[in-house]
C-alpha atoms as a PDB file:
ATOM      1  CA  MET A   1       0.098   0.109  -0.055  1.00  0.00           C
ATOM      2  CA  GLN A   2       2.297   2.643  -1.560  1.00  0.00           C
ATOM      3  CA  ASN A   3      -0.246   5.552  -2.802  1.00  0.00           C
ATOM      4  CA  VAL A   4      -0.133   7.481   0.021  1.00  0.00           C
ATOM      5  CA  HIS A   5       0.025  11.443  -0.718  1.00  0.00           C
ATOM      6  CA  SER A   6       2.180  13.011   2.357  1.00  0.00           C
ATOM      7  CA  LYS A   7       3.116  17.039   2.984  1.00  0.00           C
ATOM      8  CA  LYS A   8       6.557  17.115   3.788  1.00  0.00           C
ATOM      9  CA  TRP A   9       7.900  20.282   5.453  1.00  0.00           C
ATOM     10  CA  ILE A  10      11.505  21.885   5.107  1.00  0.00           C
ATOM     11  CA  ASP A  11      13.236  24.109   7.769  1.00  0.00           C
ATOM     12  CA  PRO A  12      15.449  26.838   5.599  1.00  0.00           C
ATOM     13  CA  GLU A  13      16.471  28.921   8.437  1.00  0.00           C
ATOM     14  CA  LYS A  14     -18.551  27.120  -5.506  1.00  0.00           C
ATOM     15  CA  ASP A  15     -20.821  28.651  -4.456  1.00  0.00           C
ATOM     16  CA  ASP A  16     -20.751  30.971  -1.703  1.00  0.00           C
ATOM     17  CA  ARG A  17     -20.940  28.101   0.900  1.00  0.00           C
ATOM     18  CA  ILE A  18     -17.513  27.043  -0.701  1.00  0.00           C
ATOM     19  CA  LYS A  19     -15.825  30.058  -1.164  1.00  0.00           C
ATOM     20  CA  GLU A  20     -15.931  30.947   3.019  1.00  0.00           C
ATOM     21  CA  ARG A  21     -13.105  28.420   2.842  1.00  0.00           C
ATOM     22  CA  LYS A  22     -10.920  31.246   1.230  1.00  0.00           C
ATOM     23  CA  GLU A  23     -11.131  32.784   4.387  1.00  0.00           C
ATOM     24  CA  ILE A  24      -8.214  32.812   7.115  1.00  0.00           C
ATOM     25  CA  GLU A  25     -10.570  32.271   9.816  1.00  0.00           C
ATOM     26  CA  PHE A  26     -12.754  28.725  10.031  1.00  0.00           C
ATOM     27  CA  GLN A  27     -16.291  29.891   9.563  1.00  0.00           C
ATOM     28  CA  HIS A  28     -17.172  26.542  12.360  1.00  0.00           C
ATOM     29  CA  GLU A  29     -20.371  26.186  14.600  1.00  0.00           C
ATOM     30  CA  ILE A  30     -18.681  22.827  16.814  1.00  0.00           C
ATOM     31  CA  GLN A  31     -17.538  23.309  20.096  1.00  0.00           C
ATOM     32  CA  LEU A  32     -13.746  23.350  20.380  1.00  0.00           C
ATOM     33  CA  ALA A  33     -12.295  20.962  22.416  1.00  0.00           C
ATOM     34  CA  LYS A  34     -10.500  21.111  26.228  1.00  0.00           C
ATOM     35  CA  ASN A  35      -8.296  18.040  25.758  1.00  0.00           C
ATOM     36  CA  ILE A  36      -7.520  15.305  23.278  1.00  0.00           C
ATOM     37  CA  ARG A  37     -10.841  13.223  25.005  1.00  0.00           C
ATOM     38  CA  GLU A  38     -12.678  15.611  23.871  1.00  0.00           C
ATOM     39  CA  ALA A  39     -11.126  15.980  20.843  1.00  0.00           C
ATOM     40  CA  ASN A  40     -11.537  12.537  19.364  1.00  0.00           C
ATOM     41  CA  LYS A  41     -14.731  13.081  21.063  1.00  0.00           C
ATOM     42  CA  ILE A  42     -15.884  15.209  18.654  1.00  0.00           C
ATOM     43  CA  ALA A  43     -14.158  13.798  15.431  1.00  0.00           C
ATOM     44  CA  ARG A  44     -16.249  10.510  16.306  1.00  0.00           C
ATOM     45  CA  GLU A  45     -19.784  12.499  16.468  1.00  0.00           C
ATOM     46  CA  MET A  46     -19.089  13.853  12.758  1.00  0.00           C
ATOM     47  CA  GLY A  47     -18.468   9.998  11.675  1.00  0.00           C
ATOM     48  CA  PHE A  48     -14.913   9.555  12.021  1.00  0.00           C
ATOM     49  CA  GLN A  49     -12.635   6.803  13.741  1.00  0.00           C
ATOM     50  CA  ALA A  50     -10.578   9.391  15.902  1.00  0.00           C
ATOM     51  CA  ASP A  51      -7.158   9.457  17.480  1.00  0.00           C
ATOM     52  CA  TYR A  52      -5.563  12.628  17.796  1.00  0.00           C
ATOM     53  CA  SER A  53      -2.871  11.443  20.636  1.00  0.00           C
ATOM     54  CA  GLY A  54       0.168  13.489  21.481  1.00  0.00           C
ATOM     55  CA  ILE A  55      -1.372  16.298  19.022  1.00  0.00           C
ATOM     56  CA  ASP A  56      -1.146  19.830  20.855  1.00  0.00           C
ATOM     57  CA  ILE A  57      -4.652  20.211  21.712  1.00  0.00           C
ATOM     58  CA  ARG A  58      -4.790  23.464  19.157  1.00  0.00           C
ATOM     59  CA  ALA A  59      -3.908  21.630  16.231  1.00  0.00           C
ATOM     60  CA  ALA A  60      -6.487  18.856  16.752  1.00  0.00           C
ATOM     61  CA  ASN A  61      -9.457  21.391  17.213  1.00  0.00           C
ATOM     62  CA  GLU A  62      -8.356  23.321  13.869  1.00  0.00           C
ATOM     63  CA  TRP A  63      -8.178  19.462  12.396  1.00  0.00           C
ATOM     64  CA  ASN A  64     -11.666  19.077  13.311  1.00  0.00           C
ATOM     65  CA  VAL A  65     -13.109  22.386  12.564  1.00  0.00           C
ATOM     66  CA  GLY A  66     -11.661  21.942   8.644  1.00  0.00           C
ATOM     67  CA  LEU A  67     -13.781  18.381   9.099  1.00  0.00           C
ATOM     68  CA  TYR A  68     -17.066  20.323  10.197  1.00  0.00           C
ATOM     69  CA  ASN A  69     -16.596  22.493   7.456  1.00  0.00           C
ATOM     70  CA  ALA A  70     -15.231  19.832   4.819  1.00  0.00           C
ATOM     71  CA  LYS A  71     -18.554  18.128   5.452  1.00  0.00           C
ATOM     72  CA  ARG A  72     -20.751  20.908   4.892  1.00  0.00           C
ATOM     73  CA  ASP A  73     -19.196  21.466   1.817  1.00  0.00           C
ATOM     74  CA  PHE A  74     -17.922  18.213   0.281  1.00  0.00           C
ATOM     75  CA  PRO A  75     -20.488  15.571   2.179  1.00  0.00           C
ATOM     76  CA  GLU A  76     -19.422  13.018  -0.936  1.00  0.00           C
ATOM     77  CA  VAL A  77     -15.989  13.541   0.006  1.00  0.00           C
ATOM     78  CA  THR A  78     -15.912  13.237   3.906  1.00  0.00           C
ATOM     79  CA  LYS A  79     -17.586   9.847   3.551  1.00  0.00           C
ATOM     80  CA  LYS A  80     -14.457   8.290   2.138  1.00  0.00           C
ATOM     81  CA  ILE A  81     -12.539   9.650   5.508  1.00  0.00           C
ATOM     82  CA  LYS A  82     -13.251   7.318   7.811  1.00  0.00           C
ATOM     83  CA  PHE A  83      -9.606   8.017  10.588  1.00  0.00           C
ATOM     84  CA  VAL A  84      -8.659  10.889  11.111  1.00  0.00           C
ATOM     85  CA  GLY A  85      -5.460  12.260  14.043  1.00  0.00           C
ATOM     86  CA  SER A  86      -2.136  10.913  14.597  1.00  0.00           C
ATOM     87  CA  SER A  87      -0.651   9.111  11.714  1.00  0.00           C
ATOM     88  CA  GLN A  88       1.441   7.168  13.875  1.00  0.00           C
ATOM     89  CA  LYS A  89      -1.416   5.273  15.637  1.00  0.00           C
ATOM     90  CA  ARG A  90      -2.909   5.324  11.668  1.00  0.00           C
ATOM     91  CA  ASN A  91      -0.073   3.494  10.987  1.00  0.00           C
ATOM     92  CA  HIS A  92      -0.618   1.314  14.106  1.00  0.00           C
ATOM     93  CA  LEU A  93      -4.104   0.506  13.279  1.00  0.00           C
ATOM     94  CA  ILE A  94      -3.525  -0.603   9.567  1.00  0.00           C
ATOM     95  CA  ARG A  95      -0.317  -3.300  10.041  1.00  0.00           C
ATOM     96  CA  LYS A  96      -2.602  -4.815  13.584  1.00  0.00           C
ATOM     97  CA  ALA A  97      -5.553  -5.285  11.178  1.00  0.00           C
ATOM     98  CA  ALA A  98      -3.137  -6.254   8.011  1.00  0.00           C
ATOM     99  CA  THR A  99      -1.541  -8.487  10.925  1.00  0.00           C
ATOM    100  CA  LYS A 100      -4.982 -10.093  11.849  1.00  0.00           C
ATOM    101  CA  TYR A 101      -5.693 -10.647   8.483  1.00  0.00           C
ATOM    102  CA  TYR A 102      -2.932 -12.528   7.346  1.00  0.00           C
ATOM    103  CA  TYR A 103      -2.606 -14.930  10.896  1.00  0.00           C
ATOM    104  CA  GLU A 104      -6.325 -15.531  10.235  1.00  0.00           C
ATOM    105  CA  SER A 105      -5.142 -17.033   6.434  1.00  0.00           C
ATOM    106  CA  LEU A 106      -2.528 -18.713   7.289  1.00  0.00           C
ATOM    107  CA  ILE A 107      -4.060 -20.681   9.864  1.00  0.00           C
ATOM    108  CA  SER A 108      -7.030 -21.324   7.775  1.00  0.00           C
ATOM    109  CA  ASN A 109      -4.493 -22.710   5.466  1.00  0.00           C
ATOM    110  CA  GLY A 110      -2.195 -25.067   8.288  1.00  0.00           C
ATOM    111  CA  TYR A 111       0.229 -23.474   9.196  1.00  0.00           C
ATOM    112  CA  PRO A 112       1.468 -24.008  12.725  1.00  0.00           C
ATOM    113  CA  LYS A 113       0.479 -21.565  14.973  1.00  0.00           C
ATOM    114  CA  LYS A 114       3.888 -19.793  15.785  1.00  0.00           C
ATOM    115  CA  GLU A 115       5.193 -20.131  12.003  1.00  0.00           C
ATOM    116  CA  ALA A 116       1.796 -17.985  11.567  1.00  0.00           C
ATOM    117  CA  GLU A 117       2.222 -15.618  14.245  1.00  0.00           C
ATOM    118  CA  SER A 118       5.593 -14.281  12.911  1.00  0.00           C
ATOM    119  CA  ALA A 119       4.823 -14.662   9.471  1.00  0.00           C
ATOM    120  CA  SER A 120       1.794 -12.623   9.896  1.00  0.00           C
ATOM    121  CA  LYS A 121       4.409  -9.887  11.884  1.00  0.00           C
ATOM    122  CA  LYS A 122       5.928  -9.333   9.103  1.00  0.00           C
ATOM    123  CA  LEU A 123       3.476  -9.223   6.730  1.00  0.00           C
ATOM    124  CA  GLY A 124       1.473  -6.810   8.234  1.00  0.00           C
ATOM    125  CA  ARG A 125       4.265  -4.382   8.378  1.00  0.00           C
ATOM    126  CA  LYS A 126       5.103  -4.125   5.079  1.00  0.00           C
ATOM    127  CA  ILE A 127       1.497  -2.973   4.631  1.00  0.00           C
ATOM    128  CA  ILE A 128       2.317   0.096   5.931  1.00  0.00           C
ATOM    129  CA  GLY A 129       6.079   1.677   7.258  1.00  0.00           C
ATOM    130  CA  ASN A 130       6.917   4.073   9.727  1.00  0.00           C
ATOM    131  CA  VAL A 131       5.743   8.034   9.529  1.00  0.00           C
ATOM    132  CA  ASN A 132       8.930   9.697   7.903  1.00  0.00           C
ATOM    133  CA  SER A 133      11.128  13.033   9.867  1.00  0.00           C
ATOM    134  CA  ASN A 134      10.184  15.065   7.283  1.00  0.00           C
ATOM    135  CA  GLU A 135       6.234  14.859   6.988  1.00  0.00           C
ATOM    136  CA  MET A 136       3.868  16.904   8.211  1.00  0.00           C
ATOM    137  CA  ALA A 137       0.582  15.237   6.973  1.00  0.00           C
ATOM    138  CA  SER A 138      -0.557  12.601   4.977  1.00  0.00           C
ATOM    139  CA  SER A 139      -3.577  11.689   3.077  1.00  0.00           C
ATOM    140  CA  ILE A 140      -4.612   7.704   2.401  1.00  0.00           C
ATOM    141  CA  GLY A 141      -7.605   7.321   0.177  1.00  0.00           C
ATOM    142  CA  LEU A 142      -9.859   3.801  -1.227  1.00  0.00           C
ATOM    143  CA  GLU A 143      -7.964   4.158  -4.301  1.00  0.00           C
ATOM    144  CA  SER A 144      -4.205   3.264  -2.555  1.00  0.00           C
ATOM    145  CA  ILE A 145      -5.826   0.102  -1.438  1.00  0.00           C
ATOM    146  CA  LYS A 146      -7.638  -1.482  -4.468  1.00  0.00           C
ATOM    147  CA  GLY A 147      -5.298  -3.590  -5.515  1.00  0.00           C
ATOM    148  CA  LEU A 148      -5.387  -5.146  -1.868  1.00  0.00           C
ATOM    149  CA  PRO A 149      -6.935  -8.554  -1.586  1.00  0.00           C
ATOM    150  CA  LEU A 150     -10.887  -7.968  -0.531  1.00  0.00           C
ATOM    151  CA  GLY A 151     -10.057  -9.544   3.151  1.00  0.00           C
ATOM    152  CA  LEU A 152      -7.223  -7.300   3.910  1.00  0.00           C
ATOM    153  CA  LYS A 153      -8.969  -4.286   1.954  1.00  0.00           C
ATOM    154  CA  GLU A 154     -11.742  -4.265   4.006  1.00  0.00           C
ATOM    155  CA  ALA A 155      -9.712  -4.971   7.190  1.00  0.00           C
ATOM    156  CA  VAL A 156      -7.441  -1.432   6.585  1.00  0.00           C
ATOM    157  CA  SER A 157     -10.482   0.394   4.678  1.00  0.00           C
ATOM    158  CA  GLN A 158     -11.193   1.625   7.813  1.00  0.00           C
ATOM    159  CA  TYR A 159      -8.399   3.578   8.507  1.00  0.00           C
ATOM    160  CA  VAL A 160      -7.883   5.900   5.012  1.00  0.00           C
ATOM    161  CA  GLY A 161      -7.954   9.371   6.081  1.00  0.00           C
ATOM    162  CA  ILE A 162      -6.463  12.898   6.535  1.00  0.00           C
ATOM    163  CA  THR A 163      -3.482  12.334   9.008  1.00  0.00           C
ATOM    164  CA  MET A 164      -0.642  14.444  11.387  1.00  0.00           C
ATOM    165  CA  ASN A 165       2.324  13.299  12.452  1.00  0.00           C
ATOM    166  CA  ASP A 166       2.889  13.615  16.102  1.00  0.00           C
ATOM    167  CA  LYS A 167       5.996  14.276  15.791  1.00  0.00           C
ATOM    168  CA  TYR A 168       5.194  17.480  14.071  1.00  0.00           C
ATOM    169  CA  PHE A 169       2.186  18.833  15.265  1.00  0.00           C
ATOM    170  CA  ASP A 170       2.716  18.581  19.057  1.00  0.00           C
ATOM    171  CA  ASN A 171       3.811  21.737  19.621  1.00  0.00           C
ATOM    172  CA  TYR A 172       1.634  24.465  17.898  1.00  0.00           C
ATOM    173  CA  GLY A 173       3.917  27.334  18.187  1.00  0.00           C
ATOM    174  CA  ARG A 174       6.826  25.620  16.386  1.00  0.00           C
ATOM    175  CA  VAL A 175       3.958  24.539  13.582  1.00  0.00           C
ATOM    176  CA  ILE A 176       3.219  28.118  12.856  1.00  0.00           C
ATOM    177  CA  GLU A 177       6.872  29.284  13.561  1.00  0.00           C
ATOM    178  CA  ASN A 178       7.792  26.659  10.740  1.00  0.00           C
ATOM    179  CA  GLY A 179       5.221  27.785   8.184  1.00  0.00           C
ATOM    180  CA  LEU A 180       5.523  30.950   8.350  1.00  0.00           C
ATOM    181  CA  ARG A 181       9.607  29.874   7.121  1.00  0.00           C
ATOM    182  CA  GLN A 182       8.100  27.674   4.631  1.00  0.00           C
ATOM    183  CA  VAL A 183       6.183  30.278   2.755  1.00  0.00           C
ATOM    184  CA  LYS A 184       8.889  32.736   3.046  1.00  0.00           C
ATOM    185  CA  SER A 185      11.292  30.055   0.598  1.00  0.00           C
ATOM    186  CA  LYS A 186       8.240  29.649  -1.421  1.00  0.00           C
ATOM    187  CA  TRP A 187       8.100  26.023   0.046  1.00  0.00           C
ATOM    188  CA  HIS A 188       4.930  26.069   1.039  1.00  0.00           C
ATOM    189  CA  PRO A 189       2.172  28.873  -1.105  1.00  0.00           C
ATOM    190  CA  GLU A 190       1.009  32.143   0.046  1.00  0.00           C
ATOM    191  CA  GLY A 191      -0.782  32.040   3.496  1.00  0.00           C
ATOM    192  CA  CYS A 192      -0.059  28.777   4.107  1.00  0.00           C
ATOM    193  CA  PHE A 193       1.550  28.827   7.143  1.00  0.00           C
ATOM    194  CA  ASN A 194      -1.163  27.235   9.566  1.00  0.00           C
ATOM    195  CA  VAL A 195      -2.689  23.518  10.319  1.00  0.00           C
ATOM    196  CA  LYS A 196      -5.812  25.092   8.331  1.00  0.00           C
ATOM    197  CA  ALA A 197      -3.803  25.038   5.213  1.00  0.00           C
ATOM    198  CA  THR A 198      -2.041  21.877   5.972  1.00  0.00           C
ATOM    199  CA  PHE A 199      -5.866  20.267   6.427  1.00  0.00           C
ATOM    200  CA  ASP A 200      -6.979  21.912   3.292  1.00  0.00           C
ATOM    201  CA  HIS A 201      -3.750  20.394   0.951  1.00  0.00           C
ATOM    202  CA  GLU A 202      -4.365  16.725   2.697  1.00  0.00           C
ATOM    203  CA  PHE A 203      -8.348  17.207   2.141  1.00  0.00           C
ATOM    204  CA  ALA A 204      -7.535  18.564  -1.391  1.00  0.00           C
ATOM    205  CA  HIS A 205      -6.238  14.742  -1.837  1.00  0.00           C
ATOM    206  CA  GLN A 206      -9.520  13.433  -1.138  1.00  0.00           C
ATOM    207  CA  ILE A 207     -11.376  15.793  -3.438  1.00  0.00           C
ATOM    208  CA  ASP A 208      -8.596  14.595  -6.029  1.00  0.00           C
ATOM    209  CA  GLU A 209      -9.723  11.603  -5.985  1.00  0.00           C
ATOM    210  CA  HIS A 210     -13.343  11.703  -5.121  1.00  0.00           C
ATOM    211  CA  LEU A 211     -13.539  14.552  -8.523  1.00  0.00           C
ATOM    212  CA  GLU A 212     -10.546  13.102 -10.755  1.00  0.00           C
ATOM    213  CA  VAL A 213      -9.022  16.797 -10.595  1.00  0.00           C
ATOM    214  CA  GLY A 214      -5.980  15.228 -12.352  1.00  0.00           C
ATOM    215  CA  LYS A 215      -7.708  14.220 -15.342  1.00  0.00           C
ATOM    216  CA  ASN A 216      -9.204  17.799 -16.144  1.00  0.00           C
ATOM    217  CA  LYS A 217      -7.484  19.210 -19.161  1.00  0.00           C
ATOM    218  CA  THR A 218      -7.180  22.757 -17.747  1.00  0.00           C
ATOM    219  CA  ILE A 219      -5.543  21.421 -14.857  1.00  0.00           C
ATOM    220  CA  GLN A 220      -3.048  19.704 -16.525  1.00  0.00           C
ATOM    221  CA  LYS A 221      -1.949  22.388 -19.060  1.00  0.00           C
ATOM    222  CA  ILE A 222      -1.080  24.668 -16.548  1.00  0.00           C
ATOM    223  CA  PHE A 223       1.184  22.210 -14.846  1.00  0.00           C
ATOM    224  CA  GLU A 224       2.143  21.322 -18.142  1.00  0.00           C
ATOM    225  CA  ASP A 225       3.049  24.615 -19.674  1.00  0.00           C
ATOM    226  CA  ARG A 226       5.675  25.490 -16.562  1.00  0.00           C
ATOM    227  CA  THR A 227       8.974  24.334 -15.494  1.00  0.00           C
ATOM    228  CA  ASN A 228       9.450  24.046 -12.088  1.00  0.00           C
ATOM    229  CA  GLU A 229      11.013  27.519 -11.969  1.00  0.00           C
ATOM    230  CA  LYS A 230       7.338  29.078 -13.266  1.00  0.00           C
ATOM    231  CA  ILE A 231       5.604  26.523 -10.651  1.00  0.00           C
ATOM    232  CA  THR A 232       8.117  27.462  -8.065  1.00  0.00           C
ATOM    233  CA  HIS A 233       7.303  30.893  -8.403  1.00  0.00           C
ATOM    234  CA  ASP A 234       3.700  31.089  -9.456  1.00  0.00           C
ATOM    235  CA  LEU A 235       2.949  28.597  -6.383  1.00  0.00           C
ATOM    236  CA  CYS A 236       5.581  27.195  -4.787  1.00  0.00           C
ATOM    237  CA  ARG A 237       8.495  24.435  -4.869  1.00  0.00           C
ATOM    238  CA  TYR A 238       6.237  21.695  -3.501  1.00  0.00           C
ATOM    239  CA  ALA A 239       3.958  21.660  -5.787  1.00  0.00           C
ATOM    240  CA  TRP A 240       6.472  20.600  -8.514  1.00  0.00           C
ATOM    241  CA  ASP A 241       5.891  16.404  -8.379  1.00  0.00           C
ATOM    242  CA  ASN A 242       6.685  15.387 -11.838  1.00  0.00           C
ATOM    243  CA  ASP A 243       8.381  12.059 -10.649  1.00  0.00           C
ATOM    244  CA  ASN A 244       5.389  10.593  -9.134  1.00  0.00           C
ATOM    245  CA  PRO A 245       2.977   8.770 -11.519  1.00  0.00           C
ATOM    246  CA  LYS A 246       0.482  11.305 -10.109  1.00  0.00           C
ATOM    247  CA  LYS A 247       2.114  14.128 -11.055  1.00  0.00           C
ATOM    248  CA  TYR A 248      -0.656  16.778 -10.626  1.00  0.00           C
ATOM    249  CA  SER A 249      -1.597  15.942  -7.290  1.00  0.00           C
ATOM    250  CA  GLU A 250       0.342  17.982  -5.193  1.00  0.00           C
ATOM    251  CA  MET A 251       0.321  21.398  -7.575  1.00  0.00           C
ATOM    252  CA  ILE A 252      -3.554  20.742  -6.858  1.00  0.00           C
ATOM    253  CA  ALA A 253      -3.448  20.177  -3.152  1.00  0.00           C
ATOM    254  CA  GLU A 254      -1.329  22.919  -2.652  1.00  0.00           C
ATOM    255  CA  GLY A 255      -3.384  24.912  -5.493  1.00  0.00           C
ATOM    256  CA  TRP A 256      -6.349  24.546  -2.685  1.00  0.00           C
ATOM    257  CA  SER A 257      -4.602  25.327  -0.105  1.00  0.00           C
ATOM    258  CA  GLU A 258      -3.607  28.757  -1.559  1.00  0.00           C
ATOM    259  CA  TYR A 259      -6.666  29.196  -3.068  1.00  0.00           C
ATOM    260  CA  CYS A 260      -8.873  28.332   0.435  1.00  0.00           C
ATOM    261  CA  ASN A 261      -5.978  30.645   2.920  1.00  0.00           C
ATOM    262  CA  SER A 262      -5.054  33.491   0.911  1.00  0.00           C
ATOM    263  CA  LYS A 263      -6.421  36.764   0.769  1.00  0.00           C
ATOM    264  CA  LYS A 264      -5.860  36.957  -2.380  1.00  0.00           C
ATOM    265  CA  PRO A 265      -4.903  33.619  -4.093  1.00  0.00           C
ATOM    266  CA  ARG A 266      -2.348  34.354  -7.525  1.00  0.00           C
ATOM    267  CA  GLU A 267      -3.788  33.058 -10.472  1.00  0.00           C
ATOM    268  CA  MET A 268      -2.693  29.158 -10.363  1.00  0.00           C
ATOM    269  CA  ALA A 269      -4.515  29.265  -7.226  1.00  0.00           C
ATOM    270  CA  THR A 270      -7.631  30.480  -8.745  1.00  0.00           C
ATOM    271  CA  ILE A 271      -7.136  28.592 -11.946  1.00  0.00           C
ATOM    272  CA  ILE A 272      -7.598  25.346  -9.507  1.00  0.00           C
ATOM    273  CA  GLY A 273      -9.880  26.406  -6.820  1.00  0.00           C
ATOM    274  CA  GLU A 274     -12.299  27.332  -9.314  1.00  0.00           C
ATOM    275  CA  GLU A 275     -12.020  24.090 -11.819  1.00  0.00           C
ATOM    276  CA  ILE A 276     -12.467  22.124  -8.558  1.00  0.00           C
ATOM    277  CA  ILE A 277     -15.613  24.249  -7.677  1.00  0.00           C
ATOM    278  CA  LYS A 278     -17.002  23.753 -11.079  1.00  0.00           C
ATOM    279  CA  LEU A 279     -15.782  19.623 -11.018  1.00  0.00           C
ATOM    280  CA  TRP A 280     -17.956  19.619  -7.680  1.00  0.00           C
ATOM    281  CA  LYS A 281     -21.094  21.738  -9.308  1.00  0.00           C
ATOM    282  CA  LYS A 282     -21.319  19.395 -12.169  1.00  0.00           C
ATOM    283  CA  LYS A 283     -20.906  16.446 -10.153  1.00  0.00           C
ATOM    284  CA  ASN A 284     -23.567  17.043  -7.429  1.00  0.00           C
ATOM    285  CA  PHE A 285     -25.989  20.154  -8.497  1.00  0.00           C
END
């Protein structure tokens, strides 16, 4: 299960309802949690499995507000999100589910118990590795697991979603400080320095999968017409992902993030944002 979209970091020294997401401050109507236990409860009440262990409560609250707004604006997309919170917790649960699946399969095929236990643990670890130290957050969609055997796919599908590296989001102040440096260095787009921007980036991968944004000719053209240097200037460095089989995915996610978070999104981000809204309205209205 390798097709995981992640937002990495460096440290260098629709309608009117949808368009509300362009505001820097969230438009929300949900209660903010006082602690992680409450944050998990709020996410679960919205219909998501959640474990924000190790994450700064302010980051967990912003993630929940993002989910609330996304559920309002893109309900069909959020239906596919099953798990939110810590990437480390998600990976642990995926490995645990995979190990159980492999163990039961091996036992049913006559393997001795000890051999089945050992083999299933190794196979479980191969499903998904540890969270990379330079990974901010990540998105796993149903598309990522479609090649797995049916039983295994059912076992791990309950953990697809968008999550945060709890080693990065454990300190809210540091997140903002790093975010501002990343924007200044053009690693991420204008206005995309906070937790909200990271949420919008990861949720954009879910939108991309749902709407197949990367197949849109307008989206492809704005990428193909630009060099790495030009994309860095017009959007950011992280938007250039030409070696990725889905080479438009990070441009889409970064463009949507700028569209949602910059007070004056630039031309490239505006085209991406408006195309996503057009595709959404075409599919749903």
